[in-house]
């Protein structure tokens, strides 16, 4: 588990809202699930593959959206590109607090969000 992921997890768990992991291989993953290691990223996947991946994520996410008004992404652009428009179409507000930050800046931002 990377330092970035540990910090992101601490950040979202401190908020206390339901959260999920976006996996290039497994789609929407419950944070309590155990998955096998893999070497796949959406960054190298063709656009039609990313669209299909996003459709699968939306299909699994949709039942969890009842009463939800907003979604916050800590994921990169390739993971959000087809999810964001669909979630907005469904009336959700989207937040991407680290959208234009480099990895070092993201680590710093996540550390700043951690509970004291």
PDB file of N, CA and C in Angstrom:
ATOM      1  N   UNK A   1       0.845  -1.165   0.000  1.00  0.00           N
ATOM      2  CA  UNK A   1       0.000   0.000   0.000  1.00  0.00           C
ATOM      3  C   UNK A   1       0.899   1.239   0.000  1.00  0.00           C
ATOM      4  N   UNK A   2       0.630   2.152  -0.885  1.00  0.00           N
ATOM      5  CA  UNK A   2       1.479   3.340  -1.029  1.00  0.00           C
ATOM      6  C   UNK A   2       1.207   4.356   0.084  1.00  0.00           C
ATOM      7  N   UNK A   3       2.164   5.245   0.278  1.00  0.00           N
ATOM      8  CA  UNK A   3       2.011   6.330   1.241  1.00  0.00           C
ATOM      9  C   UNK A   3       0.819   7.201   0.853  1.00  0.00           C
ATOM     10  N   UNK A   4       0.675   7.475  -0.462  1.00  0.00           N
ATOM     11  CA  UNK A   4      -0.450   8.279  -0.936  1.00  0.00           C
ATOM     12  C   UNK A   4      -1.767   7.626  -0.537  1.00  0.00           C
ATOM     13  N   UNK A   5      -1.889   6.323  -0.770  1.00  0.00           N
ATOM     14  CA  UNK A   5      -3.137   5.634  -0.454  1.00  0.00           C
ATOM     15  C   UNK A   5      -3.410   5.647   1.051  1.00  0.00           C
ATOM     16  N   UNK A   6      -2.385   5.420   1.858  1.00  0.00           N
ATOM     17  CA  UNK A   6      -2.572   5.442   3.320  1.00  0.00           C
ATOM     18  C   UNK A   6      -3.085   6.809   3.778  1.00  0.00           C
ATOM     19  N   UNK A   7      -2.500   7.859   3.226  1.00  0.00           N
ATOM     20  CA  UNK A   7      -2.929   9.214   3.597  1.00  0.00           C
ATOM     21  C   UNK A   7      -4.340   9.507   3.086  1.00  0.00           C
ATOM     22  N   UNK A   8      -4.647   9.096   1.879  1.00  0.00           N
ATOM     23  CA  UNK A   8      -5.987   9.302   1.330  1.00  0.00           C
ATOM     24  C   UNK A   8      -7.018   8.548   2.165  1.00  0.00           C
ATOM     25  N   UNK A   9      -6.699   7.334   2.523  1.00  0.00           N
ATOM     26  CA  UNK A   9      -7.615   6.532   3.339  1.00  0.00           C
ATOM     27  C   UNK A   9      -7.867   7.203   4.690  1.00  0.00           C
ATOM     28  N   UNK A  10      -6.820   7.663   5.340  1.00  0.00           N
ATOM     29  CA  UNK A  10      -6.980   8.348   6.628  1.00  0.00           C
ATOM     30  C   UNK A  10      -7.858   9.587   6.473  1.00  0.00           C
ATOM     31  N   UNK A  11      -7.667  10.300   5.380  1.00  0.00           N
ATOM     32  CA  UNK A  11      -8.439  11.516   5.105  1.00  0.00           C
ATOM     33  C   UNK A  11      -9.931  11.199   4.962  1.00  0.00           C
ATOM     34  N   UNK A  12     -10.264  10.236   4.141  1.00  0.00           N
ATOM     35  CA  UNK A  12     -11.685   9.940   3.900  1.00  0.00           C
ATOM     36  C   UNK A  12     -12.324   9.245   5.094  1.00  0.00           C
ATOM     37  N   UNK A  13     -11.584   8.430   5.800  1.00  0.00           N
ATOM     38  CA  UNK A  13     -12.162   7.769   6.970  1.00  0.00           C
ATOM     39  C   UNK A  13     -12.437   8.771   8.089  1.00  0.00           C
ATOM     40  N   UNK A  14     -11.656   9.844   8.165  1.00  0.00           N
ATOM     41  CA  UNK A  14     -11.889  10.878   9.172  1.00  0.00           C
ATOM     42  C   UNK A  14     -13.208  11.604   8.924  1.00  0.00           C
ATOM     43  N   UNK A  15     -13.621  11.685   7.672  1.00  0.00           N
ATOM     44  CA  UNK A  15     -14.868  12.354   7.325  1.00  0.00           C
ATOM     45  C   UNK A  15     -16.066  11.505   7.764  1.00  0.00           C
ATOM     46  N   UNK A  16     -15.920  10.201   7.680  1.00  0.00           N
ATOM     47  CA  UNK A  16     -16.974   9.306   8.129  1.00  0.00           C
ATOM     48  C   UNK A  16     -18.044   8.979   7.108  1.00  0.00           C
ATOM     49  N   UNK A  17     -17.867   9.397   5.879  1.00  0.00           N
ATOM     50  CA  UNK A  17     -18.831   9.087   4.817  1.00  0.00           C
ATOM     51  C   UNK A  17     -18.449   7.779   4.133  1.00  0.00           C
ATOM     52  N   UNK A  18     -19.413   7.126   3.494  1.00  0.00           N
ATOM     53  CA  UNK A  18     -19.054   5.939   2.708  1.00  0.00           C
ATOM     54  C   UNK A  18     -18.071   6.326   1.606  1.00  0.00           C
ATOM     55  N   UNK A  19     -17.156   5.419   1.307  1.00  0.00           N
ATOM     56  CA  UNK A  19     -16.180   5.690   0.252  1.00  0.00           C
ATOM     57  C   UNK A  19     -15.823   4.385  -0.444  1.00  0.00           C
ATOM     58  N   UNK A  20     -15.281   4.526  -1.642  1.00  0.00           N
ATOM     59  CA  UNK A  20     -14.937   3.370  -2.468  1.00  0.00           C
ATOM     60  C   UNK A  20     -13.620   3.629  -3.177  1.00  0.00           C
ATOM     61  N   UNK A  21     -13.031   2.553  -3.611  1.00  0.00           N
ATOM     62  CA  UNK A  21     -11.783   2.610  -4.372  1.00  0.00           C
ATOM     63  C   UNK A  21     -12.120   2.380  -5.837  1.00  0.00           C
ATOM     64  N   UNK A  22     -11.511   3.164  -6.723  1.00  0.00           N
ATOM     65  CA  UNK A  22     -11.655   2.954  -8.157  1.00  0.00           C
ATOM     66  C   UNK A  22     -10.453   2.159  -8.629  1.00  0.00           C
ATOM     67  N   UNK A  23     -10.712   0.959  -9.094  1.00  0.00           N
ATOM     68  CA  UNK A  23      -9.656   0.050  -9.537  1.00  0.00           C
ATOM     69  C   UNK A  23      -9.753  -0.156 -11.040  1.00  0.00           C
ATOM     70  N   UNK A  24      -8.635  -0.015 -11.731  1.00  0.00           N
ATOM     71  CA  UNK A  24      -8.622  -0.230 -13.181  1.00  0.00           C
ATOM     72  C   UNK A  24      -9.018  -1.660 -13.532  1.00  0.00           C
ATOM     73  N   UNK A  25      -8.713  -2.608 -12.675  1.00  0.00           N
ATOM     74  CA  UNK A  25      -9.034  -4.008 -12.949  1.00  0.00           C
ATOM     75  C   UNK A  25     -10.398  -4.417 -12.407  1.00  0.00           C
ATOM     76  N   UNK A  26     -10.722  -3.976 -11.197  1.00  0.00           N
ATOM     77  CA  UNK A  26     -11.925  -4.459 -10.513  1.00  0.00           C
ATOM     78  C   UNK A  26     -13.086  -3.473 -10.509  1.00  0.00           C
ATOM     79  N   UNK A  27     -12.879  -2.268 -11.001  1.00  0.00           N
ATOM     80  CA  UNK A  27     -13.958  -1.277 -11.014  1.00  0.00           C
ATOM     81  C   UNK A  27     -14.146  -0.643  -9.647  1.00  0.00           C
ATOM     82  N   UNK A  28     -15.381  -0.669  -9.147  1.00  0.00           N
ATOM     83  CA  UNK A  28     -15.711  -0.098  -7.846  1.00  0.00           C
ATOM     84  C   UNK A  28     -15.423  -1.142  -6.770  1.00  0.00           C
ATOM     85  N   UNK A  29     -14.571  -0.786  -5.823  1.00  0.00           N
ATOM     86  CA  UNK A  29     -14.141  -1.741  -4.797  1.00  0.00           C
ATOM     87  C   UNK A  29     -14.472  -1.184  -3.414  1.00  0.00           C
ATOM     88  N   UNK A  30     -15.115  -1.996  -2.617  1.00  0.00           N
ATOM     89  CA  UNK A  30     -15.372  -1.640  -1.226  1.00  0.00           C
ATOM     90  C   UNK A  30     -14.027  -1.614  -0.496  1.00  0.00           C
ATOM     91  N   UNK A  31     -13.774  -0.617   0.349  1.00  0.00           N
ATOM     92  CA  UNK A  31     -12.466  -0.527   0.999  1.00  0.00           C
ATOM     93  C   UNK A  31     -12.156  -1.692   1.941  1.00  0.00           C
ATOM     94  N   UNK A  32     -13.155  -2.453   2.335  1.00  0.00           N
ATOM     95  CA  UNK A  32     -12.917  -3.605   3.200  1.00  0.00           C
ATOM     96  C   UNK A  32     -12.669  -4.892   2.422  1.00  0.00           C
ATOM     97  N   UNK A  33     -12.737  -4.817   1.106  1.00  0.00           N
ATOM     98  CA  UNK A  33     -12.494  -5.988   0.264  1.00  0.00           C
ATOM     99  C   UNK A  33     -10.998  -6.253   0.133  1.00  0.00           C
ATOM    100  N   UNK A  34     -10.674  -7.495  -0.097  1.00  0.00           N
ATOM    101  CA  UNK A  34      -9.297  -7.886  -0.385  1.00  0.00           C
ATOM    102  C   UNK A  34      -9.237  -8.273  -1.852  1.00  0.00           C
ATOM    103  N   UNK A  35      -8.318  -7.682  -2.574  1.00  0.00           N
ATOM    104  CA  UNK A  35      -8.161  -7.998  -3.997  1.00  0.00           C
ATOM    105  C   UNK A  35      -6.722  -8.434  -4.249  1.00  0.00           C
ATOM    106  N   UNK A  36      -6.554  -9.148  -5.329  1.00  0.00           N
ATOM    107  CA  UNK A  36      -5.220  -9.594  -5.734  1.00  0.00           C
ATOM    108  C   UNK A  36      -4.466  -8.426  -6.365  1.00  0.00           C
ATOM    109  N   UNK A  37      -3.161  -8.366  -6.165  1.00  0.00           N
ATOM    110  CA  UNK A  37      -2.367  -7.322  -6.817  1.00  0.00           C
ATOM    111  C   UNK A  37      -2.464  -7.438  -8.347  1.00  0.00           C
ATOM    112  N   UNK A  38      -2.340  -6.316  -9.008  1.00  0.00           N
ATOM    113  CA  UNK A  38      -2.404  -6.301 -10.469  1.00  0.00           C
ATOM    114  C   UNK A  38      -1.596  -5.131 -10.988  1.00  0.00           C
ATOM    115  N   UNK A  39      -1.339  -5.158 -12.274  1.00  0.00           N
ATOM    116  CA  UNK A  39      -0.567  -4.090 -12.913  1.00  0.00           C
ATOM    117  C   UNK A  39      -1.377  -3.577 -14.101  1.00  0.00           C
ATOM    118  N   UNK A  40      -2.360  -2.739 -13.819  1.00  0.00           N
ATOM    119  CA  UNK A  40      -3.218  -2.178 -14.860  1.00  0.00           C
ATOM    120  C   UNK A  40      -3.560  -0.749 -14.455  1.00  0.00           C
ATOM    121  N   UNK A  41      -3.659   0.117 -15.438  1.00  0.00           N
ATOM    122  CA  UNK A  41      -4.031   1.508 -15.189  1.00  0.00           C
ATOM    123  C   UNK A  41      -4.947   1.979 -16.314  1.00  0.00           C
ATOM    124  N   UNK A  42      -5.810   2.904 -15.994  1.00  0.00           N
ATOM    125  CA  UNK A  42      -6.669   3.465 -17.041  1.00  0.00           C
ATOM    126  C   UNK A  42      -5.884   4.389 -17.966  1.00  0.00           C
ATOM    127  N   UNK A  43      -4.747   4.882 -17.513  1.00  0.00           N
ATOM    128  CA  UNK A  43      -3.951   5.822 -18.312  1.00  0.00           C
ATOM    129  C   UNK A  43      -3.517   5.223 -19.646  1.00  0.00           C
ATOM    130  N   UNK A  44      -3.336   3.917 -19.714  1.00  0.00           N
ATOM    131  CA  UNK A  44      -2.897   3.274 -20.953  1.00  0.00           C
ATOM    132  C   UNK A  44      -4.033   2.539 -21.664  1.00  0.00           C
ATOM    133  N   UNK A  45      -5.224   2.581 -21.105  1.00  0.00           N
ATOM    134  CA  UNK A  45      -6.373   1.891 -21.686  1.00  0.00           C
ATOM    135  C   UNK A  45      -6.976   2.741 -22.815  1.00  0.00           C
ATOM    136  N   UNK A  46      -7.378   2.121 -23.910  1.00  0.00           N
ATOM    137  CA  UNK A  46      -8.022   2.882 -24.985  1.00  0.00           C
ATOM    138  C   UNK A  46      -9.323   3.530 -24.505  1.00  0.00           C
ATOM    139  N   UNK A  47      -9.729   4.585 -25.183  1.00  0.00           N
ATOM    140  CA  UNK A  47     -10.901   5.350 -24.759  1.00  0.00           C
ATOM    141  C   UNK A  47     -12.159   4.475 -24.651  1.00  0.00           C
ATOM    142  N   UNK A  48     -12.362   3.544 -25.586  1.00  0.00           N
ATOM    143  CA  UNK A  48     -13.556   2.695 -25.494  1.00  0.00           C
ATOM    144  C   UNK A  48     -13.496   1.787 -24.270  1.00  0.00           C
ATOM    145  N   UNK A  49     -12.307   1.373 -23.871  1.00  0.00           N
ATOM    146  CA  UNK A  49     -12.126   0.576 -22.668  1.00  0.00           C
ATOM    147  C   UNK A  49     -12.422   1.390 -21.417  1.00  0.00           C
ATOM    148  N   UNK A  50     -12.003   2.661 -21.411  1.00  0.00           N
ATOM    149  CA  UNK A  50     -12.279   3.537 -20.268  1.00  0.00           C
ATOM    150  C   UNK A  50     -13.772   3.832 -20.158  1.00  0.00           C
ATOM    151  N   UNK A  51     -14.420   3.987 -21.296  1.00  0.00           N
ATOM    152  CA  UNK A  51     -15.881   4.209 -21.277  1.00  0.00           C
ATOM    153  C   UNK A  51     -16.605   2.988 -20.711  1.00  0.00           C
ATOM    154  N   UNK A  52     -16.207   1.803 -21.158  1.00  0.00           N
ATOM    155  CA  UNK A  52     -16.828   0.570 -20.662  1.00  0.00           C
ATOM    156  C   UNK A  52     -16.557   0.397 -19.169  1.00  0.00           C
ATOM    157  N   UNK A  53     -15.339   0.694 -18.747  1.00  0.00           N
ATOM    158  CA  UNK A  53     -14.989   0.610 -17.330  1.00  0.00           C
ATOM    159  C   UNK A  53     -15.887   1.545 -16.512  1.00  0.00           C
ATOM    160  N   UNK A  54     -16.036   2.794 -16.976  1.00  0.00           N
ATOM    161  CA  UNK A  54     -16.861   3.780 -16.263  1.00  0.00           C
ATOM    162  C   UNK A  54     -18.318   3.329 -16.205  1.00  0.00           C
ATOM    163  N   UNK A  55     -18.831   2.742 -17.280  1.00  0.00           N
ATOM    164  CA  UNK A  55     -20.213   2.240 -17.270  1.00  0.00           C
ATOM    165  C   UNK A  55     -20.395   1.172 -16.200  1.00  0.00           C
ATOM    166  N   UNK A  56     -19.414   0.291 -16.076  1.00  0.00           N
ATOM    167  CA  UNK A  56     -19.476  -0.743 -15.043  1.00  0.00           C
ATOM    168  C   UNK A  56     -19.422  -0.150 -13.647  1.00  0.00           C
ATOM    169  N   UNK A  57     -18.582   0.860 -13.452  1.00  0.00           N
ATOM    170  CA  UNK A  57     -18.493   1.522 -12.143  1.00  0.00           C
ATOM    171  C   UNK A  57     -19.822   2.187 -11.805  1.00  0.00           C
ATOM    172  N   UNK A  58     -20.398   2.903 -12.767  1.00  0.00           N
ATOM    173  CA  UNK A  58     -21.688   3.577 -12.538  1.00  0.00           C
ATOM    174  C   UNK A  58     -22.760   2.544 -12.198  1.00  0.00           C
ATOM    175  N   UNK A  59     -22.774   1.428 -12.891  1.00  0.00           N
ATOM    176  CA  UNK A  59     -23.760   0.378 -12.629  1.00  0.00           C
ATOM    177  C   UNK A  59     -23.666  -0.113 -11.175  1.00  0.00           C
ATOM    178  N   UNK A  60     -22.442  -0.285 -10.684  1.00  0.00           N
ATOM    179  CA  UNK A  60     -22.261  -0.750  -9.307  1.00  0.00           C
ATOM    180  C   UNK A  60     -22.443   0.372  -8.280  1.00  0.00           C
ATOM    181  N   UNK A  61     -22.178   1.599  -8.689  1.00  0.00           N
ATOM    182  CA  UNK A  61     -22.294   2.735  -7.781  1.00  0.00           C
ATOM    183  C   UNK A  61     -23.743   3.214  -7.640  1.00  0.00           C
ATOM    184  N   UNK A  62     -24.525   3.114  -8.695  1.00  0.00           N
ATOM    185  CA  UNK A  62     -25.882   3.666  -8.725  1.00  0.00           C
ATOM    186  C   UNK A  62     -26.742   3.298  -7.513  1.00  0.00           C
ATOM    187  N   UNK A  63     -26.788   2.039  -7.092  1.00  0.00           N
ATOM    188  CA  UNK A  63     -27.629   1.722  -5.927  1.00  0.00           C
ATOM    189  C   UNK A  63     -27.162   2.388  -4.630  1.00  0.00           C
ATOM    190  N   UNK A  64     -25.933   2.834  -4.599  1.00  0.00           N
ATOM    191  CA  UNK A  64     -25.377   3.459  -3.394  1.00  0.00           C
ATOM    192  C   UNK A  64     -25.585   4.971  -3.379  1.00  0.00           C
ATOM    193  N   UNK A  65     -26.197   5.518  -4.418  1.00  0.00           N
ATOM    194  CA  UNK A  65     -26.326   6.961  -4.552  1.00  0.00           C
ATOM    195  C   UNK A  65     -27.638   7.534  -4.014  1.00  0.00           C
ATOM    196  N   UNK A  66     -28.524   6.696  -3.541  1.00  0.00           N
ATOM    197  CA  UNK A  66     -29.802   7.196  -3.016  1.00  0.00           C
ATOM    198  C   UNK A  66     -29.535   8.185  -1.884  1.00  0.00           C
ATOM    199  N   UNK A  67     -30.061   9.376  -2.021  1.00  0.00           N
ATOM    200  CA  UNK A  67     -29.891  10.408  -1.003  1.00  0.00           C
ATOM    201  C   UNK A  67     -28.561  11.136  -1.040  1.00  0.00           C
ATOM    202  N   UNK A  68     -27.688  10.746  -1.923  1.00  0.00           N
ATOM    203  CA  UNK A  68     -26.368  11.388  -2.038  1.00  0.00           C
ATOM    204  C   UNK A  68     -26.495  12.642  -2.892  1.00  0.00           C
ATOM    205  N   UNK A  69     -25.883  13.734  -2.432  1.00  0.00           N
ATOM    206  CA  UNK A  69     -25.954  14.999  -3.162  1.00  0.00           C
ATOM    207  C   UNK A  69     -24.635  15.375  -3.812  1.00  0.00           C
ATOM    208  N   UNK A  70     -23.536  14.814  -3.290  1.00  0.00           N
ATOM    209  CA  UNK A  70     -22.240  15.165  -3.853  1.00  0.00           C
ATOM    210  C   UNK A  70     -21.283  13.980  -3.761  1.00  0.00           C
ATOM    211  N   UNK A  71     -20.281  14.030  -4.630  1.00  0.00           N
ATOM    212  CA  UNK A  71     -19.221  13.020  -4.656  1.00  0.00           C
ATOM    213  C   UNK A  71     -17.900  13.767  -4.697  1.00  0.00           C
ATOM    214  N   UNK A  72     -16.968  13.331  -3.879  1.00  0.00           N
ATOM    215  CA  UNK A  72     -15.622  13.891  -3.885  1.00  0.00           C
ATOM    216  C   UNK A  72     -14.674  12.842  -4.438  1.00  0.00           C
ATOM    217  N   UNK A  73     -13.914  13.221  -5.434  1.00  0.00           N
ATOM    218  CA  UNK A  73     -12.928  12.334  -6.049  1.00  0.00           C
ATOM    219  C   UNK A  73     -11.535  12.710  -5.571  1.00  0.00           C
ATOM    220  N   UNK A  74     -10.785  11.718  -5.145  1.00  0.00           N
ATOM    221  CA  UNK A  74      -9.364  11.893  -4.903  1.00  0.00           C
ATOM    222  C   UNK A  74      -8.587  11.170  -5.996  1.00  0.00           C
ATOM    223  N   UNK A  75      -9.283  10.745  -7.017  1.00  0.00           N
ATOM    224  CA  UNK A  75      -8.712   9.978  -8.129  1.00  0.00           C
ATOM    225  C   UNK A  75      -8.256  10.900  -9.252  1.00  0.00           C
ATOM    226  N   UNK A  76      -7.350  10.391 -10.058  1.00  0.00           N
ATOM    227  CA  UNK A  76      -6.834  11.138 -11.202  1.00  0.00           C
ATOM    228  C   UNK A  76      -7.845  11.288 -12.330  1.00  0.00           C
ATOM    229  N   UNK A  77      -7.489  12.132 -13.279  1.00  0.00           N
ATOM    230  CA  UNK A  77      -8.377  12.484 -14.390  1.00  0.00           C
ATOM    231  C   UNK A  77      -8.855  11.276 -15.191  1.00  0.00           C
ATOM    232  N   UNK A  78      -7.967  10.333 -15.476  1.00  0.00           N
ATOM    233  CA  UNK A  78      -8.360   9.161 -16.268  1.00  0.00           C
ATOM    234  C   UNK A  78      -9.453   8.360 -15.576  1.00  0.00           C
ATOM    235  N   UNK A  79      -9.468   8.381 -14.255  1.00  0.00           N
ATOM    236  CA  UNK A  79     -10.471   7.637 -13.499  1.00  0.00           C
ATOM    237  C   UNK A  79     -11.782   8.407 -13.374  1.00  0.00           C
ATOM    238  N   UNK A  80     -11.730   9.713 -13.574  1.00  0.00           N
ATOM    239  CA  UNK A  80     -12.934  10.546 -13.436  1.00  0.00           C
ATOM    240  C   UNK A  80     -13.587  10.893 -14.762  1.00  0.00           C
ATOM    241  N   UNK A  81     -12.856  10.817 -15.857  1.00  0.00           N
ATOM    242  CA  UNK A  81     -13.287  11.441 -17.109  1.00  0.00           C
ATOM    243  C   UNK A  81     -14.683  11.058 -17.574  1.00  0.00           C
ATOM    244  N   UNK A  82     -15.093   9.814 -17.423  1.00  0.00           N
ATOM    245  CA  UNK A  82     -16.426   9.408 -17.865  1.00  0.00           C
ATOM    246  C   UNK A  82     -17.384   9.234 -16.694  1.00  0.00           C
ATOM    247  N   UNK A  83     -16.861   9.253 -15.484  1.00  0.00           N
ATOM    248  CA  UNK A  83     -17.725   9.170 -14.297  1.00  0.00           C
ATOM    249  C   UNK A  83     -18.339  10.529 -13.971  1.00  0.00           C
ATOM    250  N   UNK A  84     -17.531  11.568 -14.001  1.00  0.00           N
ATOM    251  CA  UNK A  84     -18.008  12.908 -13.643  1.00  0.00           C
ATOM    252  C   UNK A  84     -19.228  13.345 -14.460  1.00  0.00           C
ATOM    253  N   UNK A  85     -19.191  13.270 -15.791  1.00  0.00           N
ATOM    254  CA  UNK A  85     -20.357  13.731 -16.555  1.00  0.00           C
ATOM    255  C   UNK A  85     -21.628  12.938 -16.217  1.00  0.00           C
ATOM    256  N   UNK A  86     -21.494  11.648 -16.012  1.00  0.00           N
ATOM    257  CA  UNK A  86     -22.667  10.835 -15.693  1.00  0.00           C
ATOM    258  C   UNK A  86     -23.206  11.166 -14.308  1.00  0.00           C
ATOM    259  N   UNK A  87     -22.341  11.377 -13.364  1.00  0.00           N
ATOM    260  CA  UNK A  87     -22.793  11.737 -12.016  1.00  0.00           C
ATOM    261  C   UNK A  87     -23.439  13.122 -12.006  1.00  0.00           C
ATOM    262  N   UNK A  88     -22.879  14.056 -12.769  1.00  0.00           N
ATOM    263  CA  UNK A  88     -23.499  15.389 -12.893  1.00  0.00           C
ATOM    264  C   UNK A  88     -24.869  15.282 -13.553  1.00  0.00           C
ATOM    265  N   UNK A  89     -24.963  14.426 -14.572  1.00  0.00           N
ATOM    266  CA  UNK A  89     -26.247  14.222 -15.247  1.00  0.00           C
ATOM    267  C   UNK A  89     -27.301  13.719 -14.265  1.00  0.00           C
ATOM    268  N   UNK A  90     -26.863  12.976 -13.276  1.00  0.00           N
ATOM    269  CA  UNK A  90     -27.766  12.450 -12.246  1.00  0.00           C
ATOM    270  C   UNK A  90     -28.023  13.462 -11.129  1.00  0.00           C
ATOM    271  N   UNK A  91     -27.481  14.675 -11.293  1.00  0.00           N
ATOM    272  CA  UNK A  91     -27.761  15.757 -10.355  1.00  0.00           C
ATOM    273  C   UNK A  91     -26.801  15.882  -9.188  1.00  0.00           C
ATOM    274  N   UNK A  92     -25.707  15.173  -9.201  1.00  0.00           N
ATOM    275  CA  UNK A  92     -24.748  15.249  -8.109  1.00  0.00           C
ATOM    276  C   UNK A  92     -23.738  16.373  -8.345  1.00  0.00           C
ATOM    277  N   UNK A  93     -23.298  16.979  -7.271  1.00  0.00           N
ATOM    278  CA  UNK A  93     -22.223  17.960  -7.314  1.00  0.00           C
ATOM    279  C   UNK A  93     -20.912  17.192  -7.167  1.00  0.00           C
ATOM    280  N   UNK A  94     -19.935  17.551  -7.969  1.00  0.00           N
ATOM    281  CA  UNK A  94     -18.650  16.855  -7.964  1.00  0.00           C
ATOM    282  C   UNK A  94     -17.576  17.778  -7.398  1.00  0.00           C
ATOM    283  N   UNK A  95     -16.787  17.235  -6.471  1.00  0.00           N
ATOM    284  CA  UNK A  95     -15.641  17.943  -5.911  1.00  0.00           C
ATOM    285  C   UNK A  95     -14.377  17.157  -6.237  1.00  0.00           C
ATOM    286  N   UNK A  96     -13.346  17.882  -6.659  1.00  0.00           N
ATOM    287  CA  UNK A  96     -12.038  17.271  -6.944  1.00  0.00           C
ATOM    288  C   UNK A  96     -10.990  18.179  -6.295  1.00  0.00           C
ATOM    289  N   UNK A  97     -10.786  18.034  -4.982  1.00  0.00           N
ATOM    290  CA  UNK A  97      -9.945  18.989  -4.265  1.00  0.00           C
ATOM    291  C   UNK A  97      -8.469  18.996  -4.661  1.00  0.00           C
ATOM    292  N   UNK A  98      -7.985  17.920  -5.242  1.00  0.00           N
ATOM    293  CA  UNK A  98      -6.564  17.876  -5.624  1.00  0.00           C
ATOM    294  C   UNK A  98      -6.378  17.916  -7.140  1.00  0.00           C
ATOM    295  N   UNK A  99      -7.362  18.441  -7.841  1.00  0.00           N
ATOM    296  CA  UNK A  99      -7.401  18.372  -9.303  1.00  0.00           C
ATOM    297  C   UNK A  99      -6.132  18.837 -10.008  1.00  0.00           C
ATOM    298  N   UNK A 100      -5.560  19.907  -9.603  1.00  0.00           N
ATOM    299  CA  UNK A 100      -4.397  20.448 -10.329  1.00  0.00           C
ATOM    300  C   UNK A 100      -3.101  20.348  -9.526  1.00  0.00           C
ATOM    301  N   UNK A 101      -3.071  19.439  -8.559  1.00  0.00           N
ATOM    302  CA  UNK A 101      -1.885  19.306  -7.716  1.00  0.00           C
ATOM    303  C   UNK A 101      -0.987  18.171  -8.191  1.00  0.00           C
ATOM    304  N   UNK A 102       0.311  18.388  -8.145  1.00  0.00           N
ATOM    305  CA  UNK A 102       1.272  17.323  -8.420  1.00  0.00           C
ATOM    306  C   UNK A 102       1.285  16.351  -7.245  1.00  0.00           C
ATOM    307  N   UNK A 103       1.982  15.244  -7.389  1.00  0.00           N
ATOM    308  CA  UNK A 103       1.968  14.193  -6.373  1.00  0.00           C
ATOM    309  C   UNK A 103       2.487  14.695  -5.021  1.00  0.00           C
ATOM    310  N   UNK A 104       3.555  15.479  -5.015  1.00  0.00           N
ATOM    311  CA  UNK A 104       4.072  16.022  -3.759  1.00  0.00           C
ATOM    312  C   UNK A 104       3.062  16.943  -3.091  1.00  0.00           C
ATOM    313  N   UNK A 105       2.402  17.774  -3.905  1.00  0.00           N
ATOM    314  CA  UNK A 105       1.372  18.664  -3.382  1.00  0.00           C
ATOM    315  C   UNK A 105       0.166  17.872  -2.867  1.00  0.00           C
ATOM    316  N   UNK A 106      -0.161  16.776  -3.545  1.00  0.00           N
ATOM    317  CA  UNK A 106      -1.259  15.928  -3.088  1.00  0.00           C
ATOM    318  C   UNK A 106      -0.929  15.321  -1.729  1.00  0.00           C
ATOM    319  N   UNK A 107       0.281  14.820  -1.571  1.00  0.00           N
ATOM    320  CA  UNK A 107       0.687  14.239  -0.284  1.00  0.00           C
ATOM    321  C   UNK A 107       0.607  15.280   0.828  1.00  0.00           C
ATOM    322  N   UNK A 108       1.018  16.488   0.522  1.00  0.00           N
ATOM    323  CA  UNK A 108       0.952  17.567   1.500  1.00  0.00           C
ATOM    324  C   UNK A 108      -0.497  17.911   1.832  1.00  0.00           C
ATOM    325  N   UNK A 109      -1.341  18.010   0.811  1.00  0.00           N
ATOM    326  CA  UNK A 109      -2.762  18.315   1.025  1.00  0.00           C
ATOM    327  C   UNK A 109      -3.405  17.235   1.883  1.00  0.00           C
ATOM    328  N   UNK A 110      -3.141  15.969   1.555  1.00  0.00           N
ATOM    329  CA  UNK A 110      -3.708  14.867   2.329  1.00  0.00           C
ATOM    330  C   UNK A 110      -3.232  14.908   3.785  1.00  0.00           C
ATOM    331  N   UNK A 111      -1.955  15.195   3.984  1.00  0.00           N
ATOM    332  CA  UNK A 111      -1.421  15.294   5.350  1.00  0.00           C
ATOM    333  C   UNK A 111      -2.106  16.415   6.111  1.00  0.00           C
ATOM    334  N   UNK A 112      -2.387  17.520   5.430  1.00  0.00           N
ATOM    335  CA  UNK A 112      -3.069  18.652   6.073  1.00  0.00           C
ATOM    336  C   UNK A 112      -4.502  18.316   6.474  1.00  0.00           C
ATOM    337  N   UNK A 113      -5.120  17.366   5.770  1.00  0.00           N
ATOM    338  CA  UNK A 113      -6.510  16.992   6.054  1.00  0.00           C
ATOM    339  C   UNK A 113      -6.620  15.972   7.179  1.00  0.00           C
ATOM    340  N   UNK A 114      -5.515  15.313   7.487  1.00  0.00           N
ATOM    341  CA  UNK A 114      -5.533  14.223   8.477  1.00  0.00           C
ATOM    342  C   UNK A 114      -5.945  14.772   9.846  1.00  0.00           C
ATOM    343  N   UNK A 115      -6.702  13.954  10.580  1.00  0.00           N
ATOM    344  CA  UNK A 115      -7.091  14.388  11.915  1.00  0.00           C
ATOM    345  C   UNK A 115      -5.865  14.552  12.832  1.00  0.00           C
ATOM    346  N   UNK A 116      -5.930  15.517  13.712  1.00  0.00           N
ATOM    347  CA  UNK A 116      -4.804  15.784  14.600  1.00  0.00           C
ATOM    348  C   UNK A 116      -4.736  14.783  15.741  1.00  0.00           C
TER     349      UNK A 116
END
